Amino acid sequence: MNPVQFYKCLSDETRLRCLMLIQHEQELCVCELTEALQEVQPKISRHLGQLRQCELLLDRRQGQWIYYRINPDLPEWAKQVLGDTLAGNPDFLAQNLKCLQRMGDRPTRMQACC
């Protein structure tokens, strides 16, 4: 991973919040992110696409939902930056997490692999 590309991806507040929320929750879908960030779906989808293009996120489809997670193949230094940013800034996501917790009808993830 190119550090310039990595930090450019983090330089946008919406992308950073998406990454931090996904880091916190481990996996989220677009509808959860739109609720947490109080933004419209096209804007969130565009930013998620950019994060996938930067190879920071991976996605998977489960039924009608597409879930996003942090790419486990990121270099250790990049994982460390994301982890330290999340741990060192608890107030940054506080309101977003409240919105997410109030969300009704959140999609259910698979409980076990078959």
PDB file of N, CA and C in Angstrom:
ATOM      1  N   MET A   1       0.843  -1.189   0.000  1.00  0.00           N
ATOM      2  CA  MET A   1       0.000   0.000   0.000  1.00  0.00           C
ATOM      3  C   MET A   1       0.876   1.236   0.000  1.00  0.00           C
ATOM      4  N   ASN A   2       0.539   2.158  -0.844  1.00  0.00           N
ATOM      5  CA  ASN A   2       1.239   3.425  -0.959  1.00  0.00           C
ATOM      6  C   ASN A   2       0.771   4.352   0.170  1.00  0.00           C
ATOM      7  N   PRO A   3       1.684   4.868   1.023  1.00  0.00           N
ATOM      8  CA  PRO A   3       1.262   5.723   2.136  1.00  0.00           C
ATOM      9  C   PRO A   3       0.560   7.001   1.680  1.00  0.00           C
ATOM     10  N   VAL A   4       0.955   7.562   0.539  1.00  0.00           N
ATOM     11  CA  VAL A   4       0.293   8.777   0.042  1.00  0.00           C
ATOM     12  C   VAL A   4      -1.167   8.474  -0.275  1.00  0.00           C
ATOM     13  N   GLN A   5      -1.412   7.378  -0.978  1.00  0.00           N
ATOM     14  CA  GLN A   5      -2.783   6.979  -1.308  1.00  0.00           C
ATOM     15  C   GLN A   5      -3.582   6.701  -0.025  1.00  0.00           C
ATOM     16  N   PHE A   6      -2.970   6.034   0.929  1.00  0.00           N
ATOM     17  CA  PHE A   6      -3.621   5.713   2.199  1.00  0.00           C
ATOM     18  C   PHE A   6      -4.081   6.992   2.904  1.00  0.00           C
ATOM     19  N   TYR A   7      -3.178   7.946   3.056  1.00  0.00           N
ATOM     20  CA  TYR A   7      -3.527   9.170   3.781  1.00  0.00           C
ATOM     21  C   TYR A   7      -4.484  10.060   2.994  1.00  0.00           C
ATOM     22  N   LYS A   8      -4.417  10.023   1.679  1.00  0.00           N
ATOM     23  CA  LYS A   8      -5.399  10.756   0.883  1.00  0.00           C
ATOM     24  C   LYS A   8      -6.790  10.190   1.111  1.00  0.00           C
ATOM     25  N   CYS A   9      -6.892   8.873   1.199  1.00  0.00           N
ATOM     26  CA  CYS A   9      -8.189   8.241   1.465  1.00  0.00           C
ATOM     27  C   CYS A   9      -8.719   8.647   2.838  1.00  0.00           C
ATOM     28  N   LEU A  10      -7.843   8.805   3.805  1.00  0.00           N
ATOM     29  CA  LEU A  10      -8.258   9.188   5.154  1.00  0.00           C
ATOM     30  C   LEU A  10      -8.534  10.686   5.291  1.00  0.00           C
ATOM     31  N   SER A  11      -8.130  11.482   4.306  1.00  0.00           N
ATOM     32  CA  SER A  11      -8.220  12.936   4.439  1.00  0.00           C
ATOM     33  C   SER A  11      -9.638  13.478   4.336  1.00  0.00           C
ATOM     34  N   ASP A  12     -10.576  12.682   3.829  1.00  0.00           N
ATOM     35  CA  ASP A  12     -11.961  13.126   3.738  1.00  0.00           C
ATOM     36  C   ASP A  12     -12.711  12.689   4.998  1.00  0.00           C
ATOM     37  N   GLU A  13     -13.454  13.590   5.618  1.00  0.00           N
ATOM     38  CA  GLU A  13     -14.129  13.278   6.873  1.00  0.00           C
ATOM     39  C   GLU A  13     -15.144  12.140   6.730  1.00  0.00           C
ATOM     40  N   THR A  14     -15.910  12.126   5.647  1.00  0.00           N
ATOM     41  CA  THR A  14     -16.896  11.058   5.459  1.00  0.00           C
ATOM     42  C   THR A  14     -16.205   9.706   5.333  1.00  0.00           C
ATOM     43  N   ARG A  15     -15.144   9.641   4.552  1.00  0.00           N
ATOM     44  CA  ARG A  15     -14.419   8.382   4.407  1.00  0.00           C
ATOM     45  C   ARG A  15     -13.790   7.954   5.733  1.00  0.00           C
ATOM     46  N   LEU A  16     -13.227   8.900   6.458  1.00  0.00           N
ATOM     47  CA  LEU A  16     -12.619   8.574   7.750  1.00  0.00           C
ATOM     48  C   LEU A  16     -13.672   8.062   8.717  1.00  0.00           C
ATOM     49  N   ARG A  17     -14.820   8.714   8.772  1.00  0.00           N
ATOM     50  CA  ARG A  17     -15.889   8.250   9.666  1.00  0.00           C
ATOM     51  C   ARG A  17     -16.379   6.863   9.260  1.00  0.00           C
ATOM     52  N   CYS A  18     -16.532   6.622   7.961  1.00  0.00           N
ATOM     53  CA  CYS A  18     -16.928   5.283   7.500  1.00  0.00           C
ATOM     54  C   CYS A  18     -15.923   4.243   7.965  1.00  0.00           C
ATOM     55  N   LEU A  19     -14.656   4.517   7.755  1.00  0.00           N
ATOM     56  CA  LEU A  19     -13.608   3.572   8.165  1.00  0.00           C
ATOM     57  C   LEU A  19     -13.616   3.328   9.671  1.00  0.00           C
ATOM     58  N   MET A  20     -13.741   4.401  10.436  1.00  0.00           N
ATOM     59  CA  MET A  20     -13.713   4.263  11.886  1.00  0.00           C
ATOM     60  C   MET A  20     -14.946   3.509  12.391  1.00  0.00           C
ATOM     61  N   LEU A  21     -16.105   3.769  11.794  1.00  0.00           N
ATOM     62  CA  LEU A  21     -17.314   3.031  12.178  1.00  0.00           C
ATOM     63  C   LEU A  21     -17.190   1.550  11.835  1.00  0.00           C
ATOM     64  N   ILE A  22     -16.669   1.269  10.654  1.00  0.00           N
ATOM     65  CA  ILE A  22     -16.478  -0.127  10.255  1.00  0.00           C
ATOM     66  C   ILE A  22     -15.431  -0.778  11.153  1.00  0.00           C
ATOM     67  N   GLN A  23     -14.376  -0.063  11.475  1.00  0.00           N
ATOM     68  CA  GLN A  23     -13.356  -0.581  12.393  1.00  0.00           C
ATOM     69  C   GLN A  23     -14.012  -0.907  13.745  1.00  0.00           C
ATOM     70  N   HIS A  24     -14.854  -0.027  14.233  1.00  0.00           N
ATOM     71  CA  HIS A  24     -15.511  -0.211  15.526  1.00  0.00           C
ATOM     72  C   HIS A  24     -16.495  -1.379  15.509  1.00  0.00           C
ATOM     73  N   GLU A  25     -17.299  -1.457  14.453  1.00  0.00           N
ATOM     74  CA  GLU A  25     -18.363  -2.469  14.370  1.00  0.00           C
ATOM     75  C   GLU A  25     -17.906  -3.760  13.675  1.00  0.00           C
ATOM     76  N   GLN A  26     -16.770  -3.715  13.017  1.00  0.00           N
ATOM     77  CA  GLN A  26     -16.161  -4.817  12.270  1.00  0.00           C
ATOM     78  C   GLN A  26     -16.774  -5.044  10.902  1.00  0.00           C
ATOM     79  N   GLU A  27     -18.036  -4.710  10.745  1.00  0.00           N
ATOM     80  CA  GLU A  27     -18.681  -4.873   9.450  1.00  0.00           C
ATOM     81  C   GLU A  27     -19.980  -4.062   9.472  1.00  0.00           C
ATOM     82  N   LEU A  28     -20.209  -3.296   8.403  1.00  0.00           N
ATOM     83  CA  LEU A  28     -21.437  -2.514   8.281  1.00  0.00           C
ATOM     84  C   LEU A  28     -21.901  -2.506   6.838  1.00  0.00           C
ATOM     85  N   CYS A  29     -23.204  -2.305   6.645  1.00  0.00           N
ATOM     86  CA  CYS A  29     -23.733  -2.154   5.289  1.00  0.00           C
ATOM     87  C   CYS A  29     -24.021  -0.669   5.034  1.00  0.00           C
ATOM     88  N   VAL A  30     -24.330  -0.351   3.792  1.00  0.00           N
ATOM     89  CA  VAL A  30     -24.556   1.038   3.398  1.00  0.00           C
ATOM     90  C   VAL A  30     -25.682   1.665   4.213  1.00  0.00           C
ATOM     91  N   CYS A  31     -26.776   0.926   4.415  1.00  0.00           N
ATOM     92  CA  CYS A  31     -27.905   1.518   5.143  1.00  0.00           C
ATOM     93  C   CYS A  31     -27.514   1.877   6.581  1.00  0.00           C
ATOM     94  N   GLU A  32     -26.666   1.076   7.203  1.00  0.00           N
ATOM     95  CA  GLU A  32     -26.212   1.387   8.559  1.00  0.00           C
ATOM     96  C   GLU A  32     -25.331   2.633   8.559  1.00  0.00           C
ATOM     97  N   LEU A  33     -24.469   2.742   7.564  1.00  0.00           N
ATOM     98  CA  LEU A  33     -23.599   3.917   7.482  1.00  0.00           C
ATOM     99  C   LEU A  33     -24.387   5.191   7.175  1.00  0.00           C
ATOM    100  N   THR A  34     -25.397   5.088   6.321  1.00  0.00           N
ATOM    101  CA  THR A  34     -26.211   6.288   6.023  1.00  0.00           C
ATOM    102  C   THR A  34     -26.932   6.756   7.278  1.00  0.00           C
ATOM    103  N   GLU A  35     -27.410   5.814   8.069  1.00  0.00           N
ATOM    104  CA  GLU A  35     -28.090   6.168   9.321  1.00  0.00           C
ATOM    105  C   GLU A  35     -27.107   6.761  10.317  1.00  0.00           C
ATOM    106  N   ALA A  36     -25.968   6.117  10.492  1.00  0.00           N
ATOM    107  CA  ALA A  36     -24.977   6.582  11.466  1.00  0.00           C
ATOM    108  C   ALA A  36     -24.449   7.968  11.123  1.00  0.00           C
ATOM    109  N   LEU A  37     -24.248   8.225   9.837  1.00  0.00           N
ATOM    110  CA  LEU A  37     -23.663   9.497   9.405  1.00  0.00           C
ATOM    111  C   LEU A  37     -24.702  10.533   9.026  1.00  0.00           C
ATOM    112  N   GLN A  38     -25.982  10.111   8.967  1.00  0.00           N
ATOM    113  CA  GLN A  38     -27.062  11.017   8.578  1.00  0.00           C
ATOM    114  C   GLN A  38     -26.761  11.662   7.222  1.00  0.00           C
ATOM    115  N   GLU A  39     -26.370  10.814   6.282  1.00  0.00           N
ATOM    116  CA  GLU A  39     -26.049  11.234   4.913  1.00  0.00           C
ATOM    117  C   GLU A  39     -26.882  10.417   3.938  1.00  0.00           C
ATOM    118  N   VAL A  40     -26.961  10.875   2.691  1.00  0.00           N
ATOM    119  CA  VAL A  40     -27.729  10.170   1.670  1.00  0.00           C
ATOM    120  C   VAL A  40     -26.924   8.985   1.132  1.00  0.00           C
ATOM    121  N   GLN A  41     -27.649   7.975   0.680  1.00  0.00           N
ATOM    122  CA  GLN A  41     -27.030   6.735   0.215  1.00  0.00           C
ATOM    123  C   GLN A  41     -26.039   6.940  -0.923  1.00  0.00           C
ATOM    124  N   PRO A  42     -26.337   7.761  -1.956  1.00  0.00           N
ATOM    125  CA  PRO A  42     -25.356   7.917  -3.037  1.00  0.00           C
ATOM    126  C   PRO A  42     -24.001   8.463  -2.556  1.00  0.00           C
ATOM    127  N   LYS A  43     -24.037   9.380  -1.597  1.00  0.00           N
ATOM    128  CA  LYS A  43     -22.783   9.941  -1.084  1.00  0.00           C
ATOM    129  C   LYS A  43     -21.978   8.862  -0.355  1.00  0.00           C
ATOM    130  N   ILE A  44     -22.644   8.093   0.498  1.00  0.00           N
ATOM    131  CA  ILE A  44     -21.953   7.037   1.246  1.00  0.00           C
ATOM    132  C   ILE A  44     -21.412   5.982   0.286  1.00  0.00           C
ATOM    133  N   SER A  45     -22.220   5.582  -0.695  1.00  0.00           N
ATOM    134  CA  SER A  45     -21.783   4.572  -1.666  1.00  0.00           C
ATOM    135  C   SER A  45     -20.573   5.041  -2.456  1.00  0.00           C
ATOM    136  N   ARG A  46     -20.557   6.309  -2.815  1.00  0.00           N
ATOM    137  CA  ARG A  46     -19.417   6.865  -3.562  1.00  0.00           C
ATOM    138  C   ARG A  46     -18.140   6.786  -2.729  1.00  0.00           C
ATOM    139  N   HIS A  47     -18.244   7.158  -1.461  1.00  0.00           N
ATOM    140  CA  HIS A  47     -17.069   7.110  -0.584  1.00  0.00           C
ATOM    141  C   HIS A  47     -16.629   5.676  -0.316  1.00  0.00           C
ATOM    142  N   LEU A  48     -17.575   4.770  -0.157  1.00  0.00           N
ATOM    143  CA  LEU A  48     -17.217   3.364   0.027  1.00  0.00           C
ATOM    144  C   LEU A  48     -16.509   2.821  -1.206  1.00  0.00           C
ATOM    145  N   GLY A  49     -16.965   3.236  -2.383  1.00  0.00           N
ATOM    146  CA  GLY A  49     -16.296   2.838  -3.624  1.00  0.00           C
ATOM    147  C   GLY A  49     -14.862   3.320  -3.669  1.00  0.00           C
ATOM    148  N   GLN A  50     -14.631   4.536  -3.216  1.00  0.00           N
ATOM    149  CA  GLN A  50     -13.266   5.067  -3.184  1.00  0.00           C
ATOM    150  C   GLN A  50     -12.405   4.288  -2.190  1.00  0.00           C
ATOM    151  N   LEU A  51     -12.977   3.927  -1.058  1.00  0.00           N
ATOM    152  CA  LEU A  51     -12.228   3.158  -0.065  1.00  0.00           C
ATOM    153  C   LEU A  51     -11.918   1.748  -0.568  1.00  0.00           C
ATOM    154  N   ARG A  52     -12.829   1.181  -1.340  1.00  0.00           N
ATOM    155  CA  ARG A  52     -12.555  -0.134  -1.957  1.00  0.00           C
ATOM    156  C   ARG A  52     -11.460   0.008  -3.002  1.00  0.00           C
ATOM    157  N   GLN A  53     -11.528   1.081  -3.794  1.00  0.00           N
ATOM    158  CA  GLN A  53     -10.519   1.312  -4.833  1.00  0.00           C
ATOM    159  C   GLN A  53      -9.139   1.493  -4.211  1.00  0.00           C
ATOM    160  N   CYS A  54      -9.073   2.107  -3.044  1.00  0.00           N
ATOM    161  CA  CYS A  54      -7.806   2.267  -2.317  1.00  0.00           C
ATOM    162  C   CYS A  54      -7.393   0.975  -1.612  1.00  0.00           C
ATOM    163  N   GLU A  55      -8.243  -0.043  -1.708  1.00  0.00           N
ATOM    164  CA  GLU A  55      -8.012  -1.347  -1.086  1.00  0.00           C
ATOM    165  C   GLU A  55      -8.007  -1.302   0.436  1.00  0.00           C
ATOM    166  N   LEU A  56      -8.701  -0.300   0.999  1.00  0.00           N
ATOM    167  CA  LEU A  56      -8.850  -0.230   2.452  1.00  0.00           C
ATOM    168  C   LEU A  56     -10.020  -1.087   2.923  1.00  0.00           C
ATOM    169  N   LEU A  57     -11.021  -1.272   2.069  1.00  0.00           N
ATOM    170  CA  LEU A  57     -12.206  -2.047   2.409  1.00  0.00           C
ATOM    171  C   LEU A  57     -12.392  -3.213   1.457  1.00  0.00           C
ATOM    172  N   LEU A  58     -13.030  -4.252   1.975  1.00  0.00           N
ATOM    173  CA  LEU A  58     -13.521  -5.360   1.168  1.00  0.00           C
ATOM    174  C   LEU A  58     -15.024  -5.421   1.384  1.00  0.00           C
ATOM    175  N   ASP A  59     -15.735  -6.001   0.427  1.00  0.00           N
ATOM    176  CA  ASP A  59     -17.174  -6.144   0.596  1.00  0.00           C
ATOM    177  C   ASP A  59     -17.586  -7.580   0.338  1.00  0.00           C
ATOM    178  N   ARG A  60     -18.760  -7.917   0.837  1.00  0.00           N
ATOM    179  CA  ARG A  60     -19.341  -9.228   0.582  1.00  0.00           C
ATOM    180  C   ARG A  60     -20.849  -9.048   0.512  1.00  0.00           C
ATOM    181  N   ARG A  61     -21.478  -9.873  -0.305  1.00  0.00           N
ATOM    182  CA  ARG A  61     -22.928  -9.827  -0.451  1.00  0.00           C
ATOM    183  C   ARG A  61     -23.543 -10.944   0.378  1.00  0.00           C
ATOM    184  N   GLN A  62     -24.609 -10.586   1.085  1.00  0.00           N
ATOM    185  CA  GLN A  62     -25.416 -11.566   1.808  1.00  0.00           C
ATOM    186  C   GLN A  62     -26.870 -11.199   1.545  1.00  0.00           C
ATOM    187  N   GLY A  63     -27.503 -11.943   0.642  1.00  0.00           N
ATOM    188  CA  GLY A  63     -28.873 -11.611   0.253  1.00  0.00           C
ATOM    189  C   GLY A  63     -28.890 -10.256  -0.417  1.00  0.00           C
ATOM    190  N   GLN A  64     -29.744  -9.376   0.066  1.00  0.00           N
ATOM    191  CA  GLN A  64     -29.855  -8.037  -0.528  1.00  0.00           C
ATOM    192  C   GLN A  64     -28.823  -7.058   0.022  1.00  0.00           C
ATOM    193  N   TRP A  65     -28.084  -7.454   1.045  1.00  0.00           N
ATOM    194  CA  TRP A  65     -27.158  -6.549   1.717  1.00  0.00           C
ATOM    195  C   TRP A  65     -25.732  -6.743   1.209  1.00  0.00           C
ATOM    196  N   ILE A  66     -25.007  -5.638   1.152  1.00  0.00           N
ATOM    197  CA  ILE A  66     -23.562  -5.683   0.893  1.00  0.00           C
ATOM    198  C   ILE A  66     -22.883  -5.135   2.135  1.00  0.00           C
ATOM    199  N   TYR A  67     -22.037  -5.941   2.716  1.00  0.00           N
ATOM    200  CA  TYR A  67     -21.340  -5.582   3.944  1.00  0.00           C
ATOM    201  C   TYR A  67     -19.897  -5.198   3.635  1.00  0.00           C
ATOM    202  N   TYR A  68     -19.419  -4.204   4.364  1.00  0.00           N
ATOM    203  CA  TYR A  68     -18.056  -3.698   4.194  1.00  0.00           C
ATOM    204  C   TYR A  68     -17.264  -3.963   5.455  1.00  0.00           C
ATOM    205  N   ARG A  69     -15.996  -4.357   5.260  1.00  0.00           N
ATOM    206  CA  ARG A  69     -15.090  -4.604   6.371  1.00  0.00           C
ATOM    207  C   ARG A  69     -13.704  -4.086   5.991  1.00  0.00           C
ATOM    208  N   ILE A  70     -12.883  -3.855   7.003  1.00  0.00           N
ATOM    209  CA  ILE A  70     -11.503  -3.431   6.772  1.00  0.00           C
ATOM    210  C   ILE A  70     -10.765  -4.584   6.090  1.00  0.00           C
ATOM    211  N   ASN A  71      -9.982  -4.263   5.086  1.00  0.00           N
ATOM    212  CA  ASN A  71      -9.214  -5.270   4.366  1.00  0.00           C
ATOM    213  C   ASN A  71      -8.192  -5.902   5.324  1.00  0.00           C
ATOM    214  N   PRO A  72      -8.315  -7.206   5.603  1.00  0.00           N
ATOM    215  CA  PRO A  72      -7.368  -7.843   6.529  1.00  0.00           C
ATOM    216  C   PRO A  72      -5.949  -7.931   5.978  1.00  0.00           C
ATOM    217  N   ASP A  73      -5.772  -7.703   4.679  1.00  0.00           N
ATOM    218  CA  ASP A  73      -4.442  -7.760   4.073  1.00  0.00           C
ATOM    219  C   ASP A  73      -3.721  -6.413   4.067  1.00  0.00           C
ATOM    220  N   LEU A  74      -4.283  -5.420   4.767  1.00  0.00           N
ATOM    221  CA  LEU A  74      -3.574  -4.138   4.874  1.00  0.00           C
ATOM    222  C   LEU A  74      -2.233  -4.360   5.561  1.00  0.00           C
ATOM    223  N   PRO A  75      -1.244  -3.564   5.211  1.00  0.00           N
ATOM    224  CA  PRO A  75       0.036  -3.663   5.926  1.00  0.00           C
ATOM    225  C   PRO A  75      -0.166  -3.360   7.421  1.00  0.00           C
ATOM    226  N   GLU A  76       0.681  -3.920   8.233  1.00  0.00           N
ATOM    227  CA  GLU A  76       0.548  -3.731   9.683  1.00  0.00           C
ATOM    228  C   GLU A  76       0.561  -2.257  10.082  1.00  0.00           C
ATOM    229  N   TRP A  77       1.380  -1.450   9.411  1.00  0.00           N
ATOM    230  CA  TRP A  77       1.437  -0.038   9.780  1.00  0.00           C
ATOM    231  C   TRP A  77       0.092   0.637   9.528  1.00  0.00           C
ATOM    232  N   ALA A  78      -0.612   0.247   8.460  1.00  0.00           N
ATOM    233  CA  ALA A  78      -1.913   0.849   8.144  1.00  0.00           C
ATOM    234  C   ALA A  78      -2.961   0.411   9.167  1.00  0.00           C
ATOM    235  N   LYS A  79      -2.938  -0.872   9.536  1.00  0.00           N
ATOM    236  CA  LYS A  79      -3.860  -1.363  10.567  1.00  0.00           C
ATOM    237  C   LYS A  79      -3.617  -0.638  11.886  1.00  0.00           C
ATOM    238  N   GLN A  80      -2.349  -0.403  12.183  1.00  0.00           N
ATOM    239  CA  GLN A  80      -1.989   0.302  13.424  1.00  0.00           C
ATOM    240  C   GLN A  80      -2.526   1.728  13.415  1.00  0.00           C
ATOM    241  N   VAL A  81      -2.402   2.413  12.303  1.00  0.00           N
ATOM    242  CA  VAL A  81      -2.916   3.789  12.189  1.00  0.00           C
ATOM    243  C   VAL A  81      -4.424   3.803  12.430  1.00  0.00           C
ATOM    244  N   LEU A  82      -5.143   2.886  11.791  1.00  0.00           N
ATOM    245  CA  LEU A  82      -6.596   2.835  11.964  1.00  0.00           C
ATOM    246  C   LEU A  82      -6.968   2.510  13.408  1.00  0.00           C
ATOM    247  N   GLY A  83      -6.295   1.537  13.993  1.00  0.00           N
ATOM    248  CA  GLY A  83      -6.576   1.162  15.385  1.00  0.00           C
ATOM    249  C   GLY A  83      -6.266   2.282  16.358  1.00  0.00           C
ATOM    250  N   ASP A  84      -5.126   2.938  16.177  1.00  0.00           N
ATOM    251  CA  ASP A  84      -4.737   4.039  17.062  1.00  0.00           C
ATOM    252  C   ASP A  84      -5.685   5.229  16.915  1.00  0.00           C
ATOM    253  N   THR A  85      -6.113   5.491  15.685  1.00  0.00           N
ATOM    254  CA  THR A  85      -7.040   6.608  15.450  1.00  0.00           C
ATOM    255  C   THR A  85      -8.362   6.354  16.159  1.00  0.00           C
ATOM    256  N   LEU A  86      -8.866   5.147  16.049  1.00  0.00           N
ATOM    257  CA  LEU A  86     -10.119   4.797  16.715  1.00  0.00           C
ATOM    258  C   LEU A  86      -9.969   4.869  18.238  1.00  0.00           C
ATOM    259  N   ALA A  87      -8.928   4.254  18.763  1.00  0.00           N
ATOM    260  CA  ALA A  87      -8.727   4.211  20.214  1.00  0.00           C
ATOM    261  C   ALA A  87      -8.442   5.586  20.811  1.00  0.00           C
ATOM    262  N   GLY A  88      -7.741   6.429  20.069  1.00  0.00           N
ATOM    263  CA  GLY A  88      -7.329   7.722  20.602  1.00  0.00           C
ATOM    264  C   GLY A  88      -8.343   8.840  20.448  1.00  0.00           C
ATOM    265  N   ASN A  89      -9.475   8.560  19.815  1.00  0.00           N
ATOM    266  CA  ASN A  89     -10.463   9.611  19.548  1.00  0.00           C
ATOM    267  C   ASN A  89     -11.883   9.132  19.831  1.00  0.00           C
ATOM    268  N   PRO A  90     -12.185   8.753  21.084  1.00  0.00           N
ATOM    269  CA  PRO A  90     -13.498   8.177  21.383  1.00  0.00           C
ATOM    270  C   PRO A  90     -14.665   9.125  21.103  1.00  0.00           C
ATOM    271  N   ASP A  91     -14.463  10.414  21.230  1.00  0.00           N
ATOM    272  CA  ASP A  91     -15.548  11.369  21.002  1.00  0.00           C
ATOM    273  C   ASP A  91     -15.850  11.586  19.522  1.00  0.00           C
ATOM    274  N   PHE A  92     -14.908  11.247  18.648  1.00  0.00           N
ATOM    275  CA  PHE A  92     -15.069  11.495  17.210  1.00  0.00           C
ATOM    276  C   PHE A  92     -16.302  10.792  16.653  1.00  0.00           C
ATOM    277  N   LEU A  93     -16.591   9.579  17.111  1.00  0.00           N
ATOM    278  CA  LEU A  93     -17.716   8.801  16.589  1.00  0.00           C
ATOM    279  C   LEU A  93     -18.905   8.737  17.530  1.00  0.00           C
ATOM    280  N   ALA A  94     -18.849   9.404  18.654  1.00  0.00           N
ATOM    281  CA  ALA A  94     -19.891   9.247  19.673  1.00  0.00           C
ATOM    282  C   ALA A  94     -21.296   9.470  19.110  1.00  0.00           C
ATOM    283  N   GLN A  95     -21.512  10.560  18.416  1.00  0.00           N
ATOM    284  CA  GLN A  95     -22.841  10.852  17.867  1.00  0.00           C
ATOM    285  C   GLN A  95     -23.221   9.847  16.777  1.00  0.00           C
ATOM    286  N   ASN A  96     -22.265   9.468  15.942  1.00  0.00           N
ATOM    287  CA  ASN A  96     -22.534   8.490  14.887  1.00  0.00           C
ATOM    288  C   ASN A  96     -22.951   7.144  15.482  1.00  0.00           C
ATOM    289  N   LEU A  97     -22.291   6.734  16.548  1.00  0.00           N
ATOM    290  CA  LEU A  97     -22.627   5.470  17.190  1.00  0.00           C
ATOM    291  C   LEU A  97     -24.004   5.519  17.834  1.00  0.00           C
ATOM    292  N   LYS A  98     -24.381   6.673  18.382  1.00  0.00           N
ATOM    293  CA  LYS A  98     -25.730   6.833  18.934  1.00  0.00           C
ATOM    294  C   LYS A  98     -26.774   6.667  17.840  1.00  0.00           C
ATOM    295  N   CYS A  99     -26.546   7.293  16.701  1.00  0.00           N
ATOM    296  CA  CYS A  99     -27.475   7.162  15.569  1.00  0.00           C
ATOM    297  C   CYS A  99     -27.577   5.711  15.122  1.00  0.00           C
ATOM    298  N   LEU A 100     -26.465   5.038  15.076  1.00  0.00           N
ATOM    299  CA  LEU A 100     -26.451   3.635  14.655  1.00  0.00           C
ATOM    300  C   LEU A 100     -27.215   2.760  15.652  1.00  0.00           C
ATOM    301  N   GLN A 101     -27.032   3.006  16.925  1.00  0.00           N
ATOM    302  CA  GLN A 101     -27.709   2.220  17.955  1.00  0.00           C
ATOM    303  C   GLN A 101     -29.212   2.444  17.944  1.00  0.00           C
ATOM    304  N   ARG A 102     -29.658   3.632  17.541  1.00  0.00           N
ATOM    305  CA  ARG A 102     -31.098   3.922  17.482  1.00  0.00           C
ATOM    306  C   ARG A 102     -31.755   3.348  16.238  1.00  0.00           C
ATOM    307  N   MET A 103     -30.956   2.892  15.304  1.00  0.00           N
ATOM    308  CA  MET A 103     -31.492   2.403  14.037  1.00  0.00           C
ATOM    309  C   MET A 103     -32.315   1.138  14.251  1.00  0.00           C
ATOM    310  N   GLY A 104     -33.524   1.138  13.737  1.00  0.00           N
ATOM    311  CA  GLY A 104     -34.352  -0.055  13.772  1.00  0.00           C
ATOM    312  C   GLY A 104     -34.107  -0.881  12.518  1.00  0.00           C
ATOM    313  N   ASP A 105     -34.483  -2.134  12.559  1.00  0.00           N
ATOM    314  CA  ASP A 105     -34.394  -3.013  11.391  1.00  0.00           C
ATOM    315  C   ASP A 105     -32.992  -3.108  10.802  1.00  0.00           C
ATOM    316  N   ARG A 106     -31.986  -3.171  11.666  1.00  0.00           N
ATOM    317  CA  ARG A 106     -30.625  -3.372  11.152  1.00  0.00           C
ATOM    318  C   ARG A 106     -30.530  -4.755  10.554  1.00  0.00           C
ATOM    319  N   PRO A 107     -29.806  -4.893   9.450  1.00  0.00           N
ATOM    320  CA  PRO A 107     -29.663  -6.224   8.848  1.00  0.00           C
ATOM    321  C   PRO A 107     -28.965  -7.190   9.798  1.00  0.00           C
ATOM    322  N   THR A 108     -29.376  -8.429   9.739  1.00  0.00           N
ATOM    323  CA  THR A 108     -28.812  -9.465  10.599  1.00  0.00           C
ATOM    324  C   THR A 108     -27.692 -10.184   9.867  1.00  0.00           C
ATOM    325  N   ARG A 109     -26.559 -10.268  10.526  1.00  0.00           N
ATOM    326  CA  ARG A 109     -25.448 -10.996   9.940  1.00  0.00           C
ATOM    327  C   ARG A 109     -25.608 -12.477  10.217  1.00  0.00           C
ATOM    328  N   MET A 110     -24.920 -13.271   9.412  1.00  0.00           N
ATOM    329  CA  MET A 110     -24.958 -14.716   9.612  1.00  0.00           C
ATOM    330  C   MET A 110     -24.381 -15.032  10.980  1.00  0.00           C
ATOM    331  N   GLN A 111     -25.069 -15.865  11.745  1.00  0.00           N
ATOM    332  CA  GLN A 111     -24.602 -16.223  13.084  1.00  0.00           C
ATOM    333  C   GLN A 111     -23.540 -17.312  13.034  1.00  0.00           C
ATOM    334  N   ALA A 112     -23.625 -18.161  12.058  1.00  0.00           N
ATOM    335  CA  ALA A 112     -22.643 -19.246  11.935  1.00  0.00           C
ATOM    336  C   ALA A 112     -22.495 -19.610  10.480  1.00  0.00           C
ATOM    337  N   CYS A 113     -21.349 -20.100  10.161  1.00  0.00           N
ATOM    338  CA  CYS A 113     -21.113 -20.533   8.791  1.00  0.00           C
ATOM    339  C   CYS A 113     -21.650 -21.944   8.617  1.00  0.00           C
ATOM    340  N   CYS A 114     -22.289 -22.227   7.465  1.00  0.00           N
ATOM    341  CA  CYS A 114     -22.820 -23.576   7.266  1.00  0.00           C
ATOM    342  C   CYS A 114     -21.950 -24.391   6.344  1.00  0.00           C
TER     343      CYS A 114
END
